Amino acid sequence: MTSAPRPAPLRALAQLPLTVRLLAVWLPTRALLLLWVFKAFTAPGPDVTADVEVIYQSWYEILRTGTFPLDDVTWQYPPAAALAVLSPALLPFLAYSAAFFVLAFLTDAVVLGLLRYTAGRPGKSAAGAWVWVAGAPLLGPTAYARYDLFVTAVAVAALLAGARHPRVQGALIALGALLKVWPALLLVGTPRGRATRRAWTTALAAALALTLAFTVTMPGALAFLSFQRDRGTEVESLGALPFHVARHFGWPGRMQLNYGSVEFLGPYVPVVTALAQVLTVLACAWLLLWRLRARAWAPSTPADAAFTAVLLFTVTSRVISPQYLLWLVGLAAVCLVFRTGRMRLPAVLVLAATGVSFLEFPIWFSHVAASDPWGITLLTVRNGLLAAAALSAGRRLWRQTVPEPAPRPALPAQAAREKAGAGA
């Protein structure tokens, strides 16, 4: 039975070069994001550009004097984050926020270029580029209104460089980790042997050198450690769901802005926060066990392992901000660049979770803040999709790389009984 022929416009589109097809979707979606952050139109809910226009710009004014924001508890980022906040100075002819959004757009284009270039090499696929083209705009204007896009670009470049240039990969991972910590997880999947030694030693040396440079030249480079330590359970995290429900049954706690995010404060919150940290430690232990047991290393394994690690740490985190989904979209895109990859289902789940995140914030964040049924439903669906993606990714990574235990040889008496039973 033959399939129905595709309509002529689709056939014509399929015959266009891949780059043209990618740009045919990337350009209008990114134009929409730019119009959004430049406020040509607005969406319901909080103004997502406020972080850039108010918080980032206030940090910029402090950082340009040669010091970190020593008295601002919302500064919870490693020292290289200063580079992202100061980056609009590269476009001095634009206002701060405008320059930031333009740089986000250009960084988005760089990520697409890296994925498109890699897709043309043997054993690679264009699926990764399509994941990025479709996935980033699912987050809405938040994609361009946080510096996480810059961090994601560094992580994508590090994973794509790893196969041929482990030292470059290590240096990029160090930079990413000093921008926002999580790219350090990319080291978990480096191939055994020389590649791991080169990537890990370069990453450690580069991280130490950069940290020392910031510590010597700018006071307060490590102040973020104490500010980050004191964070609690953010209202969008997996651990916040019981408190959203408990508010309907007389739980006396409250929701308020705390350490730069909206958190729950009150009875049992410290217990849930501690439990989240325990789960993160368990996730780390599982990754270590996987690393020790893994034997079959496919070309996609470093990206698959990085994607799995970041998924696990996102799901178990005390905080799941919408921009975290951008990290996962970027890593999912790299996974699907490799034809040997097994992360298609987790990638689809992440894309779905990204779309729901846009509904949860900013569109209907008022429902989340009110803990009403619709807000609880959105959080449950989003976090459920992320949890399912993490479990699926972990299972697929394990099955692809850890060999099945060999069957134990039968004892002589058992073998004789089996032989007698077969003869009967």
Protein backbone atom coordinates (compact mmCIF):
# COMPACT_ATOMS: atom_id res chain seq x y z
CA MET A 1 0.00 0.00 0.00
CA THR A 2 1.64 3.24 -1.13
CA SER A 3 1.54 6.37 0.98
CA ALA A 4 -0.27 9.44 -0.29
CA PRO A 5 2.01 11.87 -2.14
CA ARG A 6 2.97 15.01 -0.26
CA PRO A 7 1.36 18.27 -1.39
CA ALA A 8 3.38 20.25 -3.89
CA PRO A 9 4.36 23.05 -1.44
CA LEU A 10 5.77 20.46 0.99
CA ARG A 11 7.68 18.73 -1.80
CA ALA A 12 9.12 22.06 -2.88
CA LEU A 13 10.10 22.88 0.71
CA ALA A 14 11.77 19.50 1.17
CA GLN A 15 13.90 20.12 -1.93
CA LEU A 16 15.35 23.36 -0.56
CA PRO A 17 18.81 23.26 1.01
CA LEU A 18 18.80 22.42 4.73
CA THR A 19 20.16 25.82 5.71
CA VAL A 20 17.34 27.58 3.86
CA ARG A 21 14.73 25.37 5.53
CA LEU A 22 16.19 26.00 8.97
CA LEU A 23 16.31 29.76 8.42
CA ALA A 24 12.75 29.73 7.08
CA VAL A 25 11.63 28.75 10.59
CA TRP A 26 14.39 30.34 12.67
CA LEU A 27 14.08 33.88 11.30
CA PRO A 28 10.33 34.44 11.89
CA THR A 29 10.36 32.81 15.31
CA ARG A 30 13.34 34.86 16.43
CA ALA A 31 11.83 38.03 14.98
CA LEU A 32 8.82 37.27 17.15
CA LEU A 33 11.04 36.92 20.23
CA LEU A 34 12.77 40.21 19.47
CA LEU A 35 9.45 42.00 19.01
CA TRP A 36 8.36 40.53 22.31
CA VAL A 37 11.37 41.62 24.38
CA PHE A 38 11.39 45.03 22.69
CA LYS A 39 7.72 45.28 23.77
CA ALA A 40 6.20 45.71 20.34
CA PHE A 41 3.52 43.58 21.99
CA THR A 42 3.14 42.04 25.43
CA ALA A 43 1.81 38.86 26.94
CA PRO A 44 -0.21 38.32 30.10
CA GLY A 45 1.69 37.89 33.33
CA PRO A 46 4.90 39.42 34.70
CA ASP A 47 7.22 41.43 32.47
CA VAL A 48 10.04 38.97 31.77
CA THR A 49 12.37 41.77 30.61
CA ALA A 50 12.49 43.30 34.09
CA ASP A 51 15.50 41.19 35.06
CA VAL A 52 17.54 42.74 32.26
CA GLU A 53 16.19 46.28 32.55
CA VAL A 54 16.41 46.49 36.33
CA ILE A 55 18.48 43.74 37.97
CA TYR A 56 21.13 43.10 35.30
CA GLN A 57 21.57 46.78 34.60
CA SER A 58 22.01 47.57 38.31
CA TRP A 59 24.65 44.83 38.53
CA TYR A 60 26.29 46.26 35.41
CA GLU A 61 26.70 49.64 37.08
CA ILE A 62 28.39 47.97 40.07
CA LEU A 63 30.54 45.53 38.09
CA ARG A 64 31.94 48.21 35.84
CA THR A 65 33.48 49.84 38.94
CA GLY A 66 35.60 46.72 39.48
CA THR A 67 33.71 44.96 42.27
CA PHE A 68 30.99 42.37 42.60
CA PRO A 69 27.60 43.20 44.20
CA LEU A 70 28.79 42.48 47.75
CA ASP A 71 25.56 43.44 49.52
CA ASP A 72 23.03 42.07 47.02
CA VAL A 73 21.80 38.58 48.01
CA THR A 74 20.28 38.13 44.57
CA TRP A 75 23.80 37.88 43.13
CA GLN A 76 24.08 34.09 43.26
CA TYR A 77 26.29 33.41 40.27
CA PRO A 78 29.92 32.37 39.80
CA PRO A 79 32.40 35.14 38.96
CA ALA A 80 32.40 34.73 35.16
CA ALA A 81 28.72 35.71 35.17
CA ALA A 82 30.11 39.22 35.33
CA LEU A 83 31.19 38.79 31.70
CA ALA A 84 27.60 38.07 30.64
CA VAL A 85 26.23 41.03 32.59
CA LEU A 86 28.92 43.34 31.21
CA SER A 87 28.59 42.05 27.63
CA PRO A 88 26.19 44.82 26.45
CA ALA A 89 29.19 47.14 26.64
CA LEU A 90 30.24 45.52 23.36
CA LEU A 91 27.42 47.51 21.71
CA PRO A 92 27.88 50.97 23.27
CA PHE A 93 25.63 52.62 20.68
CA LEU A 94 22.59 50.80 22.15
CA ALA A 95 20.86 51.11 25.49
CA TYR A 96 21.77 48.36 27.96
CA SER A 97 18.65 46.23 27.57
CA ALA A 98 18.57 46.64 23.77
CA ALA A 99 22.22 45.58 23.52
CA PHE A 100 21.53 42.55 25.73
CA PHE A 101 18.62 41.38 23.57
CA VAL A 102 20.63 41.85 20.35
CA LEU A 103 23.50 39.82 21.81
CA ALA A 104 21.04 37.09 22.81
CA PHE A 105 19.75 37.00 19.23
CA LEU A 106 23.31 36.76 17.85
CA THR A 107 24.18 34.01 20.34
CA ASP A 108 21.08 32.11 19.28
CA ALA A 109 22.32 32.34 15.69
CA VAL A 110 25.75 31.01 16.73
CA VAL A 111 24.14 27.95 18.34
CA LEU A 112 22.17 27.28 15.18
CA GLY A 113 25.33 27.69 13.09
CA LEU A 114 27.24 25.19 15.24
CA LEU A 115 24.47 22.60 15.02
CA ARG A 116 24.01 23.14 11.27
CA TYR A 117 27.75 22.82 10.62
CA THR A 118 27.95 19.60 12.63
CA ALA A 119 24.91 18.16 10.84
CA GLY A 120 26.88 18.06 7.59
CA ARG A 121 29.54 15.68 8.94
CA PRO A 122 29.45 11.87 8.68
CA GLY A 123 27.30 10.15 11.29
CA LYS A 124 25.51 13.37 12.16
CA SER A 125 21.92 14.47 11.69
CA ALA A 126 19.99 17.71 11.20
CA ALA A 127 17.53 16.66 13.92
CA GLY A 128 19.57 18.54 16.52
CA ALA A 129 19.37 21.81 14.61
CA TRP A 130 15.60 21.38 14.29
CA VAL A 131 15.28 20.78 18.04
CA TRP A 132 17.02 24.09 18.68
CA VAL A 133 15.05 25.98 16.04
CA ALA A 134 11.73 24.72 17.43
CA GLY A 135 12.60 24.44 21.12
CA ALA A 136 14.04 27.81 22.10
CA PRO A 137 10.98 29.89 21.08
CA LEU A 138 8.71 27.53 23.04
CA LEU A 139 10.02 29.28 26.14
CA GLY A 140 8.74 32.62 24.88
CA PRO A 141 10.55 35.91 25.56
CA THR A 142 12.30 34.43 28.61
CA ALA A 143 14.74 32.83 26.16
CA TYR A 144 16.17 36.26 25.30
CA ALA A 145 15.63 37.90 28.69
CA ARG A 146 18.08 35.81 30.73
CA TYR A 147 21.79 35.24 30.29
CA ASP A 148 21.22 31.47 30.27
CA LEU A 149 21.28 31.56 26.47
CA PHE A 150 24.95 32.56 26.61
CA VAL A 151 25.72 29.68 29.00
CA THR A 152 23.84 27.21 26.81
CA ALA A 153 25.85 28.32 23.78
CA VAL A 154 29.11 27.61 25.62
CA ALA A 155 27.81 24.17 26.68
CA VAL A 156 26.73 23.29 23.12
CA ALA A 157 30.12 24.36 21.76
CA ALA A 158 31.92 22.30 24.43
CA LEU A 159 30.01 19.10 23.63
CA LEU A 160 30.46 19.51 19.88
CA ALA A 161 34.20 20.17 20.30
CA GLY A 162 34.79 17.19 22.58
CA ALA A 163 35.22 14.44 20.00
CA ARG A 164 38.22 16.08 18.31
CA HIS A 165 39.45 18.67 20.78
CA PRO A 166 39.20 17.53 24.42
CA ARG A 167 41.37 20.39 25.66
CA VAL A 168 39.12 22.94 23.97
CA GLN A 169 36.17 21.13 25.49
CA GLY A 170 37.73 21.34 28.95
CA ALA A 171 38.39 25.06 28.62
CA LEU A 172 34.83 25.74 27.45
CA ILE A 173 33.39 23.65 30.27
CA ALA A 174 35.44 25.65 32.76
CA LEU A 175 34.13 28.89 31.31
CA GLY A 176 30.56 27.58 31.37
CA ALA A 177 30.89 26.38 34.96
CA LEU A 178 32.13 29.81 36.02
CA LEU A 179 29.19 31.37 34.22
CA LYS A 180 26.51 29.22 35.91
CA VAL A 181 27.94 26.04 37.51
CA TRP A 182 25.81 23.42 35.70
CA PRO A 183 28.10 23.03 32.64
CA ALA A 184 30.56 21.27 34.97
CA LEU A 185 28.23 18.27 34.63
CA LEU A 186 29.34 17.92 31.00
CA LEU A 187 32.53 16.31 32.26
CA VAL A 188 30.66 13.20 33.43
CA GLY A 189 30.43 11.74 29.93
CA THR A 190 33.90 12.31 28.55
CA PRO A 191 35.35 9.09 27.04
CA ARG A 192 37.67 7.07 29.24
CA GLY A 193 41.41 7.40 28.89
CA ARG A 194 43.36 10.22 27.29
CA ALA A 195 40.29 12.28 26.34
CA THR A 196 39.09 12.37 29.95
CA ARG A 197 42.52 13.25 31.30
CA ARG A 198 42.94 16.09 28.83
CA ALA A 199 39.43 17.48 29.25
CA TRP A 200 39.37 17.23 33.05
CA THR A 201 42.85 18.63 33.67
CA THR A 202 42.27 21.50 31.26
CA ALA A 203 38.90 22.26 32.85
CA LEU A 204 40.39 22.25 36.34
CA ALA A 205 43.36 24.40 35.36
CA ALA A 206 41.22 26.89 33.46
CA ALA A 207 38.65 27.11 36.26
CA LEU A 208 41.34 27.73 38.87
CA ALA A 209 43.06 30.32 36.69
CA LEU A 210 39.84 32.21 35.97
CA THR A 211 38.70 32.09 39.59
CA LEU A 212 42.08 33.35 40.77
CA ALA A 213 42.02 36.16 38.21
CA PHE A 214 38.57 37.32 39.34
CA THR A 215 39.44 36.96 43.04
CA VAL A 216 42.59 39.06 42.68
CA THR A 217 41.11 41.77 40.47
CA MET A 218 37.52 42.10 41.76
CA PRO A 219 36.46 42.01 45.43
CA GLY A 220 33.58 39.67 46.24
CA ALA A 221 34.17 37.09 43.51
CA LEU A 222 33.12 34.23 45.82
CA ALA A 223 30.32 36.00 47.68
CA PHE A 224 27.78 34.08 45.64
CA LEU A 225 28.54 30.90 47.61
CA SER A 226 26.88 32.09 50.81
CA PHE A 227 23.95 33.70 48.96
CA GLN A 228 23.27 30.48 47.02
CA ARG A 229 23.56 28.31 50.14
CA ASP A 230 20.69 30.09 51.89
CA ARG A 231 18.11 29.53 49.15
CA GLY A 232 14.95 27.59 49.98
CA THR A 233 12.23 25.83 48.00
CA GLU A 234 11.17 27.89 44.99
CA VAL A 235 7.47 27.80 44.11
CA GLU A 236 8.00 26.22 40.66
CA SER A 237 10.15 23.31 41.84
CA LEU A 238 9.07 19.71 42.25
CA GLY A 239 9.31 20.03 46.02
CA ALA A 240 6.92 22.98 46.03
CA LEU A 241 3.95 20.95 44.80
CA PRO A 242 3.00 19.59 48.28
CA PHE A 243 2.91 23.13 49.65
CA HIS A 244 0.69 24.35 46.80
CA VAL A 245 -1.78 21.62 47.74
CA ALA A 246 -1.30 22.13 51.50
CA ARG A 247 -2.34 25.79 51.20
CA HIS A 248 -5.86 24.53 50.50
CA PHE A 249 -5.85 22.60 53.79
CA GLY A 250 -4.75 25.34 56.16
CA TRP A 251 -0.97 25.16 55.92
CA PRO A 252 0.18 28.33 57.70
CA GLY A 253 3.23 29.05 55.53
CA ARG A 254 3.55 31.86 53.02
CA MET A 255 4.94 32.64 49.58
CA GLN A 256 7.30 35.57 49.20
CA LEU A 257 10.25 36.93 47.26
CA ASN A 258 13.33 35.51 48.94
CA TYR A 259 16.94 35.57 47.67
CA GLY A 260 15.82 36.69 44.24
CA SER A 261 13.04 34.15 43.62
CA VAL A 262 9.53 33.47 44.88
CA GLU A 263 9.85 30.80 47.57
CA PHE A 264 7.73 29.07 50.17
CA LEU A 265 8.54 29.90 53.77
CA GLY A 266 7.02 28.17 56.78
CA PRO A 267 6.65 24.82 58.54
CA TYR A 268 8.23 21.79 56.86
CA VAL A 269 9.87 23.85 54.11
CA PRO A 270 13.39 23.25 55.50
CA VAL A 271 12.64 19.51 55.53
CA VAL A 272 11.64 19.51 51.86
CA THR A 273 14.63 21.68 50.97
CA ALA A 274 16.94 19.21 52.73
CA LEU A 275 15.22 16.29 50.98
CA ALA A 276 15.84 17.94 47.60
CA GLN A 277 19.52 18.19 48.46
CA VAL A 278 19.59 14.52 49.46
CA LEU A 279 18.01 13.59 46.12
CA THR A 280 20.67 15.63 44.34
CA VAL A 281 23.37 13.70 46.20
CA LEU A 282 21.69 10.43 45.21
CA ALA A 283 21.59 11.58 41.59
CA CYS A 284 25.31 12.32 41.83
CA ALA A 285 25.90 8.84 43.29
CA TRP A 286 23.97 7.24 40.42
CA LEU A 287 26.04 9.14 37.87
CA LEU A 288 29.23 8.01 39.58
CA LEU A 289 28.02 4.40 39.54
CA TRP A 290 27.15 4.74 35.86
CA ARG A 291 30.58 6.16 35.11
CA LEU A 292 32.24 3.20 36.85
CA ARG A 293 30.04 0.58 35.18
CA ALA A 294 29.83 2.00 31.64
CA ARG A 295 31.82 0.14 29.02
CA ALA A 296 30.27 0.80 25.59
CA TRP A 297 31.09 4.37 24.53
CA ALA A 298 29.25 5.50 21.38
CA PRO A 299 29.96 8.88 19.73
CA SER A 300 26.74 10.18 21.30
CA THR A 301 27.54 9.01 24.84
CA PRO A 302 29.21 12.25 26.09
CA ALA A 303 26.18 14.30 25.02
CA ASP A 304 23.69 11.70 26.26
CA ALA A 305 25.41 11.58 29.66
CA ALA A 306 25.52 15.38 29.94
CA PHE A 307 21.83 15.65 29.03
CA THR A 308 20.93 12.99 31.60
CA ALA A 309 23.04 14.59 34.32
CA VAL A 310 21.54 18.06 33.84
CA LEU A 311 18.03 16.56 33.74
CA LEU A 312 18.62 14.76 37.05
CA PHE A 313 20.02 17.84 38.73
CA THR A 314 17.22 20.04 37.38
CA VAL A 315 14.46 17.74 38.61
CA THR A 316 16.01 17.37 42.08
CA SER A 317 16.88 21.05 42.43
CA ARG A 318 15.32 23.35 45.01
CA VAL A 319 14.71 25.75 42.14
CA ILE A 320 13.33 25.09 38.65
CA SER A 321 13.19 28.44 36.90
CA PRO A 322 11.76 28.57 33.34
CA GLN A 323 15.14 29.46 31.84
CA TYR A 324 16.52 26.12 33.01
CA LEU A 325 14.54 24.56 30.17
CA LEU A 326 16.80 26.40 27.72
CA TRP A 327 19.78 24.40 29.01
CA LEU A 328 17.91 21.17 28.40
CA VAL A 329 16.79 22.19 24.90
CA GLY A 330 20.40 22.97 23.96
CA LEU A 331 21.69 19.66 25.33
CA ALA A 332 18.83 17.73 23.71
CA ALA A 333 19.76 19.35 20.40
CA VAL A 334 23.34 18.13 20.71
CA CYS A 335 22.13 14.60 21.58
CA LEU A 336 20.04 14.45 18.42
CA VAL A 337 22.93 15.61 16.27
CA PHE A 338 24.35 12.09 16.64
CA ARG A 339 22.66 9.33 14.68
CA THR A 340 23.76 6.84 17.35
CA GLY A 341 21.90 8.76 20.08
CA ARG A 342 19.00 7.26 22.01
CA MET A 343 17.53 10.41 23.53
CA ARG A 344 14.66 11.13 21.17
CA LEU A 345 11.89 10.43 23.68
CA PRO A 346 13.50 12.46 26.51
CA ALA A 347 14.11 15.28 24.00
CA VAL A 348 10.43 15.29 22.99
CA LEU A 349 9.41 15.33 26.67
CA VAL A 350 11.72 18.30 27.28
CA LEU A 351 10.23 20.19 24.34
CA ALA A 352 6.74 19.57 25.73
CA ALA A 353 7.86 20.71 29.18
CA THR A 354 9.34 23.87 27.64
CA GLY A 355 6.01 24.76 26.05
CA VAL A 356 4.18 24.18 29.35
CA SER A 357 6.79 26.32 31.14
CA PHE A 358 5.86 29.24 28.91
CA LEU A 359 2.22 28.80 29.95
CA GLU A 360 3.24 28.55 33.61
CA PHE A 361 5.51 31.60 33.38
CA PRO A 362 4.73 34.25 32.42
CA ILE A 363 1.28 33.60 30.92
CA TRP A 364 -0.52 32.12 33.93
CA PHE A 365 1.93 32.73 36.75
CA SER A 366 -0.86 34.41 38.70
CA HIS A 367 -2.52 31.00 38.95
CA VAL A 368 0.73 29.48 40.23
CA ALA A 369 1.10 32.25 42.81
CA ALA A 370 -2.49 31.65 43.93
CA SER A 371 -1.94 27.86 44.12
CA ASP A 372 -5.28 27.42 42.40
CA PRO A 373 -6.19 24.20 40.54
CA TRP A 374 -5.03 25.50 37.17
CA GLY A 375 -1.67 26.64 38.54
CA ILE A 376 -1.13 23.33 40.32
CA THR A 377 -2.07 21.46 37.13
CA LEU A 378 0.47 23.39 35.05
CA LEU A 379 3.26 22.75 37.55
CA THR A 380 2.34 19.09 37.88
CA VAL A 381 2.38 18.59 34.11
CA ARG A 382 5.63 20.53 33.58
CA ASN A 383 7.49 18.87 36.43
CA GLY A 384 6.00 15.48 35.58
CA LEU A 385 7.31 15.77 32.03
CA LEU A 386 10.77 16.68 33.34
CA ALA A 387 10.76 13.78 35.80
CA ALA A 388 9.68 11.38 33.05
CA ALA A 389 12.42 12.74 30.77
CA ALA A 390 15.05 12.26 33.50
CA LEU A 391 13.97 8.68 34.21
CA SER A 392 13.78 7.83 30.51
CA ALA A 393 17.18 9.39 29.79
CA GLY A 394 18.82 7.58 32.69
CA ARG A 395 17.36 4.23 31.63
CA ARG A 396 18.43 4.70 28.01
CA LEU A 397 21.93 5.82 28.96
CA TRP A 398 22.40 2.82 31.23
CA ARG A 399 21.06 0.28 28.73
CA GLN A 400 23.21 1.66 25.92
CA THR A 401 26.49 1.76 27.83
CA VAL A 402 26.42 -0.75 30.70
CA PRO A 403 26.74 -4.39 29.58
CA GLU A 404 24.31 -7.00 30.86
CA PRO A 405 25.87 -9.32 33.46
CA ALA A 406 26.93 -12.64 31.98
CA PRO A 407 24.78 -15.61 33.06
CA ARG A 408 26.34 -17.67 35.83
CA PRO A 409 27.47 -21.16 34.75
CA ALA A 410 25.25 -23.96 36.06
CA LEU A 411 26.62 -26.20 38.82
CA PRO A 412 27.37 -29.83 37.76
CA ALA A 413 24.42 -31.29 39.70
CA GLN A 414 22.05 -28.65 38.29
CA ALA A 415 23.36 -29.27 34.75
CA ALA A 416 22.74 -33.04 35.17
CA ARG A 417 19.17 -32.47 36.33
CA GLU A 418 18.50 -30.10 33.40
CA LYS A 419 19.93 -32.68 30.98
CA ALA A 420 17.79 -35.46 32.48
CA GLY A 421 14.69 -33.26 32.28
CA ALA A 422 15.40 -32.49 28.64
CA GLY A 423 15.75 -36.21 27.85
CA ALA A 424 12.45 -37.01 29.48
